[in-house]
N, C-alpha and C. Protein backbone atom coordinates (compact mmCIF):
# COMPACT_ATOMS: atom_id res chain seq x y z
N MET A 1 -94.36 17.06 3.53
CA MET A 1 -95.49 16.08 2.94
C MET A 1 -93.90 15.24 2.71
N LYS A 2 -93.83 15.48 1.71
CA LYS A 2 -91.94 14.65 1.21
C LYS A 2 -90.85 13.53 2.59
N HIS A 3 -90.36 15.38 3.24
CA HIS A 3 -90.05 15.53 4.71
C HIS A 3 -89.98 14.13 5.20
N THR A 4 -91.54 14.32 5.77
CA THR A 4 -92.39 13.47 6.87
C THR A 4 -92.27 12.05 6.45
N ILE A 5 -92.85 12.32 5.57
CA ILE A 5 -92.65 10.47 4.87
C ILE A 5 -91.30 9.96 5.15
N ILE A 6 -89.49 10.52 5.02
CA ILE A 6 -88.93 9.84 4.58
C ILE A 6 -88.35 9.97 6.36
N ILE A 7 -88.35 11.05 6.85
CA ILE A 7 -88.20 11.17 8.85
C ILE A 7 -89.13 9.48 8.94
N PHE A 8 -90.51 9.18 8.83
CA PHE A 8 -91.17 7.81 9.03
C PHE A 8 -90.64 7.23 8.09
N ILE A 9 -90.08 7.30 7.32
CA ILE A 9 -89.26 5.46 6.38
C ILE A 9 -88.20 4.87 7.72
N LEU A 10 -87.11 6.68 7.53
CA LEU A 10 -85.69 5.88 8.64
C LEU A 10 -86.08 5.60 10.27
N SER A 11 -87.38 6.08 10.73
CA SER A 11 -87.25 5.68 12.66
C SER A 11 -88.55 3.94 11.97
N ILE A 12 -89.06 4.12 11.13
CA ILE A 12 -89.38 2.79 11.09
C ILE A 12 -88.54 1.65 10.78
N SER A 13 -87.39 1.94 9.86
CA SER A 13 -86.27 0.93 9.75
C SER A 13 -84.96 1.51 10.95
N SER A 14 -84.63 1.96 11.72
CA SER A 14 -83.79 2.13 13.09
C SER A 14 -84.58 1.87 14.02
N LEU A 15 -86.00 1.36 14.22
CA LEU A 15 -86.46 0.59 15.62
C LEU A 15 -86.57 -1.15 14.55
N SER A 16 -86.24 -1.10 14.01
CA SER A 16 -86.76 -2.23 13.16
C SER A 16 -85.15 -3.00 12.99
N TYR A 17 -84.41 -2.16 13.28
CA TYR A 17 -83.24 -2.66 13.76
C TYR A 17 -82.89 -3.39 14.71
N SER A 18 -83.08 -2.07 15.30
CA SER A 18 -83.13 -1.81 16.64
C SER A 18 -83.38 -3.29 17.95
N GLN A 19 -84.68 -3.18 17.83
CA GLN A 19 -85.34 -4.40 17.33
C GLN A 19 -84.63 -6.41 17.50
N SER A 20 -84.19 -6.10 16.01
CA SER A 20 -83.58 -7.96 15.87
C SER A 20 -82.12 -7.47 16.84
N THR A 21 -81.49 -6.14 17.06
CA THR A 21 -80.27 -7.05 18.43
C THR A 21 -80.84 -7.31 18.95
N LYS A 22 -81.68 -6.00 19.64
CA LYS A 22 -81.53 -6.14 20.75
C LYS A 22 -82.38 -8.02 21.18
N ASP A 23 -83.16 -8.60 20.21
CA ASP A 23 -83.29 -9.57 20.36
C ASP A 23 -81.78 -10.60 20.40
N LEU A 24 -81.03 -10.20 20.26
CA LEU A 24 -79.45 -11.09 19.32
C LEU A 24 -79.28 -11.06 21.28
N ASP A 25 -79.06 -10.10 22.06
CA ASP A 25 -79.11 -9.63 23.87
C ASP A 25 -80.19 -10.42 24.36
N LEU A 26 -81.32 -10.82 24.15
CA LEU A 26 -81.99 -11.09 24.98
C LEU A 26 -82.21 -12.72 25.37
N LYS A 27 -81.59 -13.58 23.89
CA LYS A 27 -81.15 -15.02 23.48
C LYS A 27 -79.42 -15.48 24.83
N ASN A 28 -78.56 -14.30 24.61
CA ASN A 28 -77.99 -14.17 25.44
C ASN A 28 -76.74 -15.90 25.67
N GLY A 29 -77.46 -15.86 24.50
CA GLY A 29 -76.20 -17.10 24.55
C GLY A 29 -76.18 -17.94 22.81
N PHE A 30 -76.13 -19.19 22.78
CA PHE A 30 -76.71 -19.69 22.22
C PHE A 30 -77.79 -21.19 21.83
N LYS A 31 -78.45 -21.65 21.33
CA LYS A 31 -78.76 -23.01 21.66
C LYS A 31 -79.24 -23.10 23.02
N ASP A 32 -79.02 -24.21 23.38
CA ASP A 32 -79.10 -24.58 24.72
C ASP A 32 -77.64 -23.90 26.25
N PHE A 33 -77.16 -22.87 25.31
CA PHE A 33 -75.72 -22.67 25.93
C PHE A 33 -76.83 -21.14 26.46
N LYS A 34 -76.26 -20.26 27.73
CA LYS A 34 -76.73 -19.36 28.01
C LYS A 34 -75.76 -18.16 28.64
N PHE A 35 -74.84 -17.64 28.19
CA PHE A 35 -73.86 -16.92 28.84
C PHE A 35 -74.11 -16.69 30.33
N GLY A 36 -72.70 -17.56 31.18
CA GLY A 36 -72.64 -16.42 32.07
C GLY A 36 -73.01 -17.88 33.26
N GLU A 37 -72.98 -19.17 31.97
CA GLU A 37 -73.88 -20.34 33.40
C GLU A 37 -72.22 -21.00 33.46
N LEU A 38 -72.44 -21.76 34.98
CA LEU A 38 -70.59 -21.83 35.52
C LEU A 38 -70.62 -23.63 34.50
N LYS A 39 -69.00 -23.73 34.43
CA LYS A 39 -68.37 -24.32 33.93
C LYS A 39 -68.88 -25.68 34.90
N SER A 40 -68.94 -25.77 35.52
CA SER A 40 -69.48 -27.12 36.53
C SER A 40 -70.56 -27.03 35.69
N LYS A 41 -71.37 -26.85 35.08
CA LYS A 41 -73.03 -27.00 34.55
C LYS A 41 -72.14 -28.82 33.77
N TYR A 42 -70.95 -28.21 32.88
CA TYR A 42 -70.70 -28.61 32.16
C TYR A 42 -69.46 -29.43 32.13
N GLU A 43 -69.47 -29.94 33.41
CA GLU A 43 -67.61 -30.36 33.56
C GLU A 43 -67.76 -31.87 33.56
N ASN A 44 -68.45 -33.08 32.88
CA ASN A 44 -69.03 -33.96 32.17
C ASN A 44 -68.54 -34.19 30.61
N LYS A 45 -68.95 -32.90 30.36
CA LYS A 45 -69.05 -32.54 29.23
C LYS A 45 -68.29 -31.85 27.78
N ILE A 46 -67.19 -31.74 28.57
CA ILE A 46 -66.37 -30.44 28.11
C ILE A 46 -64.59 -31.85 28.63
N GLU A 47 -63.69 -30.91 27.13
CA GLU A 47 -62.29 -31.53 27.44
C GLU A 47 -61.20 -29.55 26.94
N PRO A 48 -60.26 -29.86 27.29
CA PRO A 48 -59.81 -28.36 27.27
C PRO A 48 -59.46 -28.64 25.54
N ILE A 49 -58.73 -27.74 25.00
CA ILE A 49 -58.33 -27.93 23.91
C ILE A 49 -56.63 -26.82 23.76
N PHE A 50 -55.56 -27.46 23.09
CA PHE A 50 -54.90 -27.05 23.44
C PHE A 50 -54.05 -26.33 24.42
N ASN A 51 -53.90 -27.39 25.51
CA ASN A 51 -53.82 -26.99 26.70
C ASN A 51 -53.65 -26.01 27.50
N SER A 52 -55.45 -25.82 27.06
CA SER A 52 -56.39 -24.08 27.61
C SER A 52 -56.40 -24.60 29.02
N SER A 53 -56.87 -23.56 29.60
CA SER A 53 -57.45 -23.41 30.86
C SER A 53 -58.76 -23.00 30.44
N ASP A 54 -59.77 -21.92 29.08
CA ASP A 54 -60.24 -21.31 29.64
C ASP A 54 -61.83 -22.04 28.09
N MET A 55 -60.38 -22.69 27.14
CA MET A 55 -61.34 -23.15 25.56
C MET A 55 -61.59 -25.08 25.77
N PHE A 56 -62.65 -24.87 25.19
CA PHE A 56 -63.30 -26.73 25.45
C PHE A 56 -63.29 -26.28 24.66
N LEU A 57 -63.83 -28.13 23.90
CA LEU A 57 -64.55 -29.25 23.24
C LEU A 57 -65.46 -29.74 24.28
N TYR A 58 -66.73 -29.22 23.19
CA TYR A 58 -68.13 -29.43 24.09
C TYR A 58 -68.04 -30.86 23.13
N LYS A 59 -68.48 -32.10 24.19
CA LYS A 59 -68.91 -33.61 24.06
C LYS A 59 -69.71 -34.10 24.01
N GLY A 60 -70.80 -32.97 24.70
CA GLY A 60 -71.82 -33.09 24.49
C GLY A 60 -73.09 -33.93 23.41
N SER A 61 -74.44 -34.64 24.19
CA SER A 61 -74.70 -35.44 22.59
C SER A 61 -76.02 -33.85 22.17
N GLU A 62 -76.24 -33.43 23.10
CA GLU A 62 -77.58 -32.49 22.88
C GLU A 62 -77.38 -31.27 23.46
N PRO A 63 -76.89 -29.82 22.48
CA PRO A 63 -77.46 -30.16 21.27
C PRO A 63 -76.71 -30.50 19.80
N LYS A 64 -77.42 -30.85 18.93
CA LYS A 64 -76.90 -31.34 17.95
C LYS A 64 -76.56 -30.84 16.87
N ASP A 65 -76.87 -29.69 16.38
CA ASP A 65 -77.82 -29.09 15.68
C ASP A 65 -78.09 -27.74 15.24
N LEU A 66 -77.77 -26.83 14.64
CA LEU A 66 -78.30 -25.46 13.80
C LEU A 66 -79.37 -25.52 12.67
N PHE A 67 -80.50 -25.58 12.61
CA PHE A 67 -81.80 -25.24 12.09
C PHE A 67 -81.29 -26.95 11.19
N GLY A 68 -81.67 -27.93 11.89
CA GLY A 68 -81.34 -29.25 10.91
C GLY A 68 -79.97 -29.37 10.35
N TRP A 69 -79.18 -28.56 10.31
CA TRP A 69 -77.61 -28.94 9.81
C TRP A 69 -76.94 -29.65 10.42
N ASP A 70 -76.15 -30.93 10.84
CA ASP A 70 -75.30 -31.23 12.62
C ASP A 70 -74.17 -30.55 12.22
N TRP A 71 -73.52 -29.59 13.39
CA TRP A 71 -72.28 -29.35 13.14
C TRP A 71 -71.16 -30.53 13.28
N HIS A 72 -69.97 -29.85 13.18
CA HIS A 72 -69.00 -30.65 12.93
C HIS A 72 -68.48 -30.41 14.82
N SER A 73 -68.15 -29.70 14.88
CA SER A 73 -68.15 -29.35 16.86
C SER A 73 -68.70 -27.89 17.24
N ILE A 74 -68.60 -28.57 18.34
CA ILE A 74 -69.08 -26.95 19.16
C ILE A 74 -67.92 -26.46 20.65
N TYR A 75 -67.21 -25.57 20.41
CA TYR A 75 -66.43 -24.82 21.70
C TYR A 75 -66.34 -24.21 21.96
N LEU A 76 -66.23 -24.16 23.57
CA LEU A 76 -66.87 -23.14 25.18
C LEU A 76 -65.60 -22.63 25.32
N LYS A 77 -65.64 -20.97 25.62
CA LYS A 77 -64.96 -20.52 26.28
C LYS A 77 -65.01 -19.92 27.67
N PHE A 78 -64.90 -19.80 28.55
CA PHE A 78 -65.01 -19.54 29.81
C PHE A 78 -64.20 -17.85 30.65
N TYR A 79 -65.40 -17.65 30.93
CA TYR A 79 -64.00 -16.28 30.97
C TYR A 79 -63.94 -16.51 32.92
N GLY A 80 -63.39 -15.98 33.17
CA GLY A 80 -63.35 -17.00 34.72
C GLY A 80 -63.98 -18.59 35.22
N ASN A 81 -65.38 -18.03 35.42
CA ASN A 81 -65.85 -19.30 35.64
C ASN A 81 -66.85 -19.76 35.02
N LYS A 82 -67.40 -18.47 33.53
CA LYS A 82 -68.70 -18.23 33.24
C LYS A 82 -68.59 -18.53 31.55
N LEU A 83 -69.74 -18.98 31.29
CA LEU A 83 -69.34 -19.48 29.52
C LEU A 83 -70.03 -17.68 28.97
N GLY A 84 -68.80 -17.67 28.09
CA GLY A 84 -68.75 -16.29 27.40
C GLY A 84 -68.27 -16.48 26.17
N TYR A 85 -68.12 -17.74 25.75
CA TYR A 85 -68.02 -17.85 24.27
C TYR A 85 -68.09 -18.91 23.39
N ILE A 86 -68.91 -19.27 22.53
CA ILE A 86 -69.34 -20.35 22.10
C ILE A 86 -69.14 -20.36 20.03
N GLN A 87 -68.70 -21.16 19.68
CA GLN A 87 -68.57 -21.24 18.17
C GLN A 87 -68.87 -22.39 17.75
N SER A 88 -69.44 -22.52 16.98
CA SER A 88 -69.57 -24.27 16.06
C SER A 88 -68.85 -24.13 14.86
N TYR A 89 -69.24 -25.28 14.46
CA TYR A 89 -68.74 -25.08 13.03
C TYR A 89 -69.17 -26.24 12.40
N TRP A 90 -68.86 -26.60 11.18
CA TRP A 90 -69.82 -27.03 9.93
C TRP A 90 -68.09 -27.54 9.10
N LEU A 91 -68.65 -28.66 8.45
CA LEU A 91 -67.36 -28.62 6.84
C LEU A 91 -67.79 -27.86 6.11
N ASP A 92 -67.69 -27.66 5.27
CA ASP A 92 -68.01 -26.53 4.27
C ASP A 92 -69.27 -26.85 2.88
N ASN A 93 -70.64 -26.45 2.93
CA ASN A 93 -71.28 -26.82 1.71
C ASN A 93 -71.89 -24.92 1.65
N GLU A 94 -71.80 -24.93 0.52
CA GLU A 94 -72.95 -23.17 0.50
C GLU A 94 -73.69 -22.76 0.65
N ILE A 95 -74.84 -24.27 0.59
CA ILE A 95 -75.96 -24.40 0.94
C ILE A 95 -76.63 -24.18 1.92
N ILE A 96 -75.34 -25.02 3.01
CA ILE A 96 -75.31 -24.83 4.45
C ILE A 96 -75.15 -23.56 4.80
N PHE A 97 -74.12 -22.76 3.91
CA PHE A 97 -74.24 -21.09 4.80
C PHE A 97 -75.17 -20.45 4.25
N GLN A 98 -75.73 -20.58 3.34
CA GLN A 98 -76.59 -19.14 2.96
C GLN A 98 -77.28 -19.56 3.84
N ASN A 99 -78.23 -21.70 4.31
CA ASN A 99 -79.44 -21.96 4.68
C ASN A 99 -79.24 -21.16 6.33
N ILE A 100 -78.19 -21.38 6.71
CA ILE A 100 -77.56 -20.32 8.64
C ILE A 100 -77.99 -19.19 8.21
N LYS A 101 -77.49 -18.53 7.64
CA LYS A 101 -77.05 -17.15 7.08
C LYS A 101 -78.86 -16.86 7.22
N ASP A 102 -79.54 -17.33 5.80
CA ASP A 102 -80.58 -16.83 6.04
C ASP A 102 -81.92 -17.13 6.93
N LYS A 103 -81.75 -17.86 7.66
CA LYS A 103 -81.67 -18.20 8.67
C LYS A 103 -82.06 -17.27 10.34
N LEU A 104 -80.68 -16.68 10.22
CA LEU A 104 -80.23 -15.86 11.25
C LEU A 104 -80.53 -14.10 10.22
N ILE A 105 -80.78 -13.90 9.75
CA ILE A 105 -81.55 -12.34 8.82
C ILE A 105 -83.25 -12.99 9.67
N GLU A 106 -83.32 -13.71 9.24
CA GLU A 106 -84.68 -13.73 10.36
C GLU A 106 -85.30 -13.44 10.99
N LEU A 107 -84.42 -14.24 11.69
CA LEU A 107 -84.43 -13.93 13.67
C LEU A 107 -83.75 -12.65 14.08
N PHE A 108 -82.72 -12.14 13.79
CA PHE A 108 -82.83 -10.68 14.32
C PHE A 108 -81.78 -9.68 12.67
N GLY A 109 -82.89 -9.99 11.54
CA GLY A 109 -83.18 -8.98 10.92
C GLY A 109 -81.20 -8.86 10.35
N LYS A 110 -80.72 -7.75 9.29
CA LYS A 110 -79.88 -7.54 8.98
C LYS A 110 -78.22 -7.36 9.00
N PRO A 111 -77.43 -8.53 9.25
CA PRO A 111 -76.14 -8.28 9.56
C PRO A 111 -75.73 -6.71 10.06
N THR A 112 -75.60 -5.93 11.64
CA THR A 112 -75.14 -4.77 10.62
C THR A 112 -73.71 -4.89 10.30
N PHE A 113 -73.13 -6.25 10.05
CA PHE A 113 -72.00 -5.75 8.85
C PHE A 113 -71.35 -6.90 8.35
N VAL A 114 -70.91 -6.53 7.10
CA VAL A 114 -71.42 -7.11 5.94
C VAL A 114 -69.96 -7.20 4.99
N ALA A 115 -68.65 -8.12 5.19
CA ALA A 115 -67.61 -7.47 4.76
C ALA A 115 -67.39 -7.44 3.22
N PRO A 116 -66.80 -6.60 2.69
CA PRO A 116 -67.37 -5.47 1.09
C PRO A 116 -66.13 -7.46 0.49
N TYR A 117 -66.24 -7.07 -0.66
CA TYR A 117 -64.34 -8.10 -0.92
C TYR A 117 -63.79 -7.06 -1.40
N SER A 118 -63.33 -6.66 -1.53
CA SER A 118 -62.48 -6.44 -1.58
C SER A 118 -61.42 -5.85 0.16
N GLN A 119 -62.22 -6.51 1.16
CA GLN A 119 -61.75 -6.47 3.13
C GLN A 119 -61.72 -8.37 3.49
N LYS A 120 -62.25 -8.81 2.26
CA LYS A 120 -61.73 -10.21 2.48
C LYS A 120 -60.48 -10.56 2.82
N PHE A 121 -59.85 -11.45 3.92
CA PHE A 121 -58.33 -11.23 4.16
C PHE A 121 -57.30 -12.29 2.94
N LYS A 122 -56.66 -12.26 2.88
CA LYS A 122 -56.18 -13.70 2.01
C LYS A 122 -56.01 -14.46 2.42
N ALA A 123 -56.21 -14.81 3.91
CA ALA A 123 -56.10 -16.06 4.44
C ALA A 123 -57.28 -16.76 4.55
N GLY A 124 -58.28 -16.79 3.26
CA GLY A 124 -59.35 -17.79 2.87
C GLY A 124 -60.70 -17.07 3.62
N LEU A 125 -60.98 -15.98 3.51
CA LEU A 125 -62.24 -15.31 4.31
C LEU A 125 -62.66 -15.69 2.77
N LEU A 126 -63.65 -16.21 3.28
CA LEU A 126 -64.95 -16.34 1.51
C LEU A 126 -66.00 -15.03 1.97
N GLU A 127 -66.83 -15.40 2.80
CA GLU A 127 -67.62 -14.17 3.22
C GLU A 127 -67.74 -14.19 5.21
N TYR A 128 -68.04 -13.30 5.27
CA TYR A 128 -68.16 -12.79 6.68
C TYR A 128 -69.21 -11.92 6.71
N VAL A 129 -70.14 -12.44 8.00
CA VAL A 129 -71.55 -11.58 8.25
C VAL A 129 -71.62 -11.75 10.11
N GLU A 130 -71.64 -10.50 10.37
CA GLU A 130 -71.64 -10.14 11.53
C GLU A 130 -73.10 -9.23 12.37
N TRP A 131 -73.58 -9.54 13.74
CA TRP A 131 -74.91 -9.74 14.19
C TRP A 131 -73.78 -8.59 15.72
N GLU A 132 -74.32 -7.42 15.80
CA GLU A 132 -73.43 -7.14 17.15
C GLU A 132 -74.82 -6.18 17.88
N GLY A 133 -74.76 -7.07 19.05
CA GLY A 133 -75.95 -6.38 20.25
C GLY A 133 -75.63 -5.35 21.24
N LYS A 134 -75.92 -5.44 21.96
CA LYS A 134 -75.31 -4.09 23.03
C LYS A 134 -74.22 -5.05 23.79
N ASN A 135 -75.07 -6.28 24.25
CA ASN A 135 -74.23 -7.54 24.90
C ASN A 135 -73.06 -8.37 24.13
N VAL A 136 -73.97 -8.67 23.37
CA VAL A 136 -74.12 -9.93 22.52
C VAL A 136 -73.65 -9.97 21.21
N THR A 137 -72.19 -10.18 20.37
CA THR A 137 -72.07 -9.99 18.74
C THR A 137 -72.27 -11.47 18.29
N MET A 138 -72.35 -11.39 17.06
CA MET A 138 -72.69 -13.39 17.11
C MET A 138 -71.98 -13.14 15.01
N THR A 139 -71.02 -14.02 14.77
CA THR A 139 -70.41 -13.64 13.42
C THR A 139 -70.62 -14.80 12.92
N LEU A 140 -70.79 -14.91 11.51
CA LEU A 140 -71.03 -16.27 10.87
C LEU A 140 -69.64 -15.97 9.39
N ARG A 141 -69.23 -16.72 9.59
CA ARG A 141 -67.46 -16.74 8.29
C ARG A 141 -67.63 -18.30 7.61
N ARG A 142 -67.68 -17.72 7.11
CA ARG A 142 -67.11 -18.66 5.71
C ARG A 142 -65.52 -19.47 5.56
N LEU A 143 -64.52 -20.12 5.89
CA LEU A 143 -63.19 -20.25 5.24
C LEU A 143 -62.80 -20.60 4.53
N LYS A 144 -61.99 -20.54 3.86
CA LYS A 144 -61.30 -21.80 2.99
C LYS A 144 -59.44 -21.93 3.89
N SER A 145 -59.42 -23.20 4.30
CA SER A 145 -58.30 -23.23 5.35
C SER A 145 -56.91 -23.14 4.74
N ASP A 146 -57.19 -23.26 3.42
CA ASP A 146 -55.72 -23.76 2.42
C ASP A 146 -56.50 -22.52 1.32
N TYR A 147 -55.53 -21.45 1.45
CA TYR A 147 -56.02 -20.15 0.40
C TYR A 147 -55.18 -20.12 -0.37
N LYS A 148 -53.92 -20.87 -0.61
CA LYS A 148 -53.43 -20.67 -1.73
C LYS A 148 -53.22 -21.99 -2.62
N SER A 149 -54.59 -22.92 -2.00
CA SER A 149 -54.86 -24.12 -3.15
C SER A 149 -55.95 -23.66 -4.23
N ALA A 150 -55.67 -23.45 -5.53
CA ALA A 150 -56.54 -23.09 -6.34
C ALA A 150 -58.03 -24.20 -6.28
N THR A 151 -58.24 -24.83 -5.94
CA THR A 151 -59.30 -25.64 -5.52
C THR A 151 -60.60 -25.79 -5.11
N PRO A 152 -61.93 -25.87 -5.10
CA PRO A 152 -62.36 -25.55 -5.44
C PRO A 152 -62.95 -25.60 -2.75
N CYS A 153 -63.58 -25.35 -2.38
CA CYS A 153 -63.97 -25.09 -0.99
C CYS A 153 -64.00 -26.52 -0.81
N SER A 154 -63.01 -27.75 -1.17
CA SER A 154 -63.16 -29.23 -0.25
C SER A 154 -62.73 -28.87 1.26
N ASP A 155 -62.05 -27.99 1.23
CA ASP A 155 -61.08 -27.51 2.50
C ASP A 155 -61.69 -26.58 3.53
N CYS A 156 -62.82 -25.97 3.29
CA CYS A 156 -63.82 -24.78 3.79
C CYS A 156 -64.62 -25.62 5.02
N ARG A 157 -64.53 -24.17 5.93
CA ARG A 157 -65.11 -24.79 7.18
C ARG A 157 -66.14 -22.83 7.61
N ILE A 158 -67.36 -23.62 7.98
CA ILE A 158 -67.98 -22.63 8.03
C ILE A 158 -67.73 -22.38 9.74
N PHE A 159 -67.54 -20.91 10.24
CA PHE A 159 -67.91 -21.26 11.93
C PHE A 159 -69.35 -20.11 12.12
N LEU A 160 -69.63 -20.57 13.53
CA LEU A 160 -70.50 -20.03 13.90
C LEU A 160 -70.03 -19.18 15.65
N THR A 161 -70.18 -18.24 15.64
CA THR A 161 -69.66 -17.67 16.65
C THR A 161 -70.16 -17.10 17.52
N VAL A 162 -70.75 -16.70 18.91
CA VAL A 162 -71.27 -16.26 19.42
C VAL A 162 -70.23 -16.04 21.17
N ASN A 163 -70.32 -14.93 21.47
CA ASN A 163 -69.56 -13.95 22.13
C ASN A 163 -70.64 -12.56 22.83
N SER A 164 -70.17 -13.11 24.20
CA SER A 164 -70.63 -11.52 25.46
C SER A 164 -69.80 -10.91 25.25
N ARG A 165 -69.89 -9.95 25.13
CA ARG A 165 -69.01 -8.89 24.84
C ARG A 165 -68.97 -7.95 26.85
N SER A 166 -69.86 -8.02 27.07
CA SER A 166 -70.01 -7.87 28.71
C SER A 166 -69.18 -8.41 30.00
N LEU A 167 -69.28 -10.21 29.57
CA LEU A 167 -68.75 -11.16 29.86
C LEU A 167 -66.86 -11.41 29.90
N GLN A 168 -66.88 -10.51 28.72
CA GLN A 168 -65.47 -10.82 27.91
C GLN A 168 -64.56 -9.44 28.35
N LYS A 169 -65.77 -8.13 28.50
CA LYS A 169 -65.38 -7.30 29.42
C LYS A 169 -64.17 -7.22 30.80
N GLN A 170 -65.97 -7.50 31.14
CA GLN A 170 -65.17 -8.43 33.17
C GLN A 170 -64.09 -8.67 33.02
N ASN A 171 -63.42 -9.42 31.67
CA ASN A 171 -62.09 -10.15 31.98
C ASN A 171 -61.06 -9.87 31.92
N LEU A 172 -61.13 -8.51 30.89
CA LEU A 172 -60.71 -8.34 30.07
C LEU A 172 -59.59 -7.06 31.88
N LYS A 173 -61.18 -6.12 32.66
CA LYS A 173 -60.35 -5.76 33.32
C LYS A 173 -59.50 -6.73 34.55
N SER A 174 -60.27 -7.64 34.83
CA SER A 174 -59.87 -8.39 35.99
C SER A 174 -58.94 -8.57 35.73
N ASP A 175 -58.16 -9.30 34.45
CA ASP A 175 -56.38 -8.90 34.34
C ASP A 175 -55.10 -7.84 34.88
N PHE A 176 -56.15 -6.40 34.87
CA PHE A 176 -54.68 -6.39 34.47
C PHE A 176 -55.30 -5.37 35.88
C-alpha cells in the first residue's frame, strides 16, 4: 500500500510537470510574438543591431510590458526569415525579477533548471532559472554587468529569453 501511494504521488507530480512545459510549447512565443512569423510582419518595427542580418531591436509600441512591468528593450532574432528568438530586458529591480519569476512559475510550473549558487558564473550571474519544453526554451536571468564592482545592483539587468528550439535546429541544419 505504501508503495502504491508513493507511485501515485510521483506520477501526479510528473504529470503536472509535463503539463506545464507543454503549455510553454503551446504558447509558442512570447506575448504577441509567435515563432515562425515572417520577418516582413515586423519590417517597419525593427532595426538591425550590431550590423546583424538576423538580430533586431523591436521598435514597436505594443506590447510594452510583462505582468505590468514595462521593459527597457525587446530583441527579435530570425532564423532564415522566421521569428525564432525573443529577448526582453529590464533595468534591475529585485522586486521585478521575483514578480516575473513567480508569475512564470504560476503559468509554466516549477523551472526545469535553477542554477545553484556554486554554478553561478563569475561574470555576474546573480540568478538563473529555465523552463524547457519540447520545442521552446525560456530562461530568466538576473545579471550584474560590472561583476568586479562591489556596488549593489545599480548596473544589473533582468533578461527573459524565449527560444524556438525547433527553428534553431532547422537553421543549424541548413548551415551545414
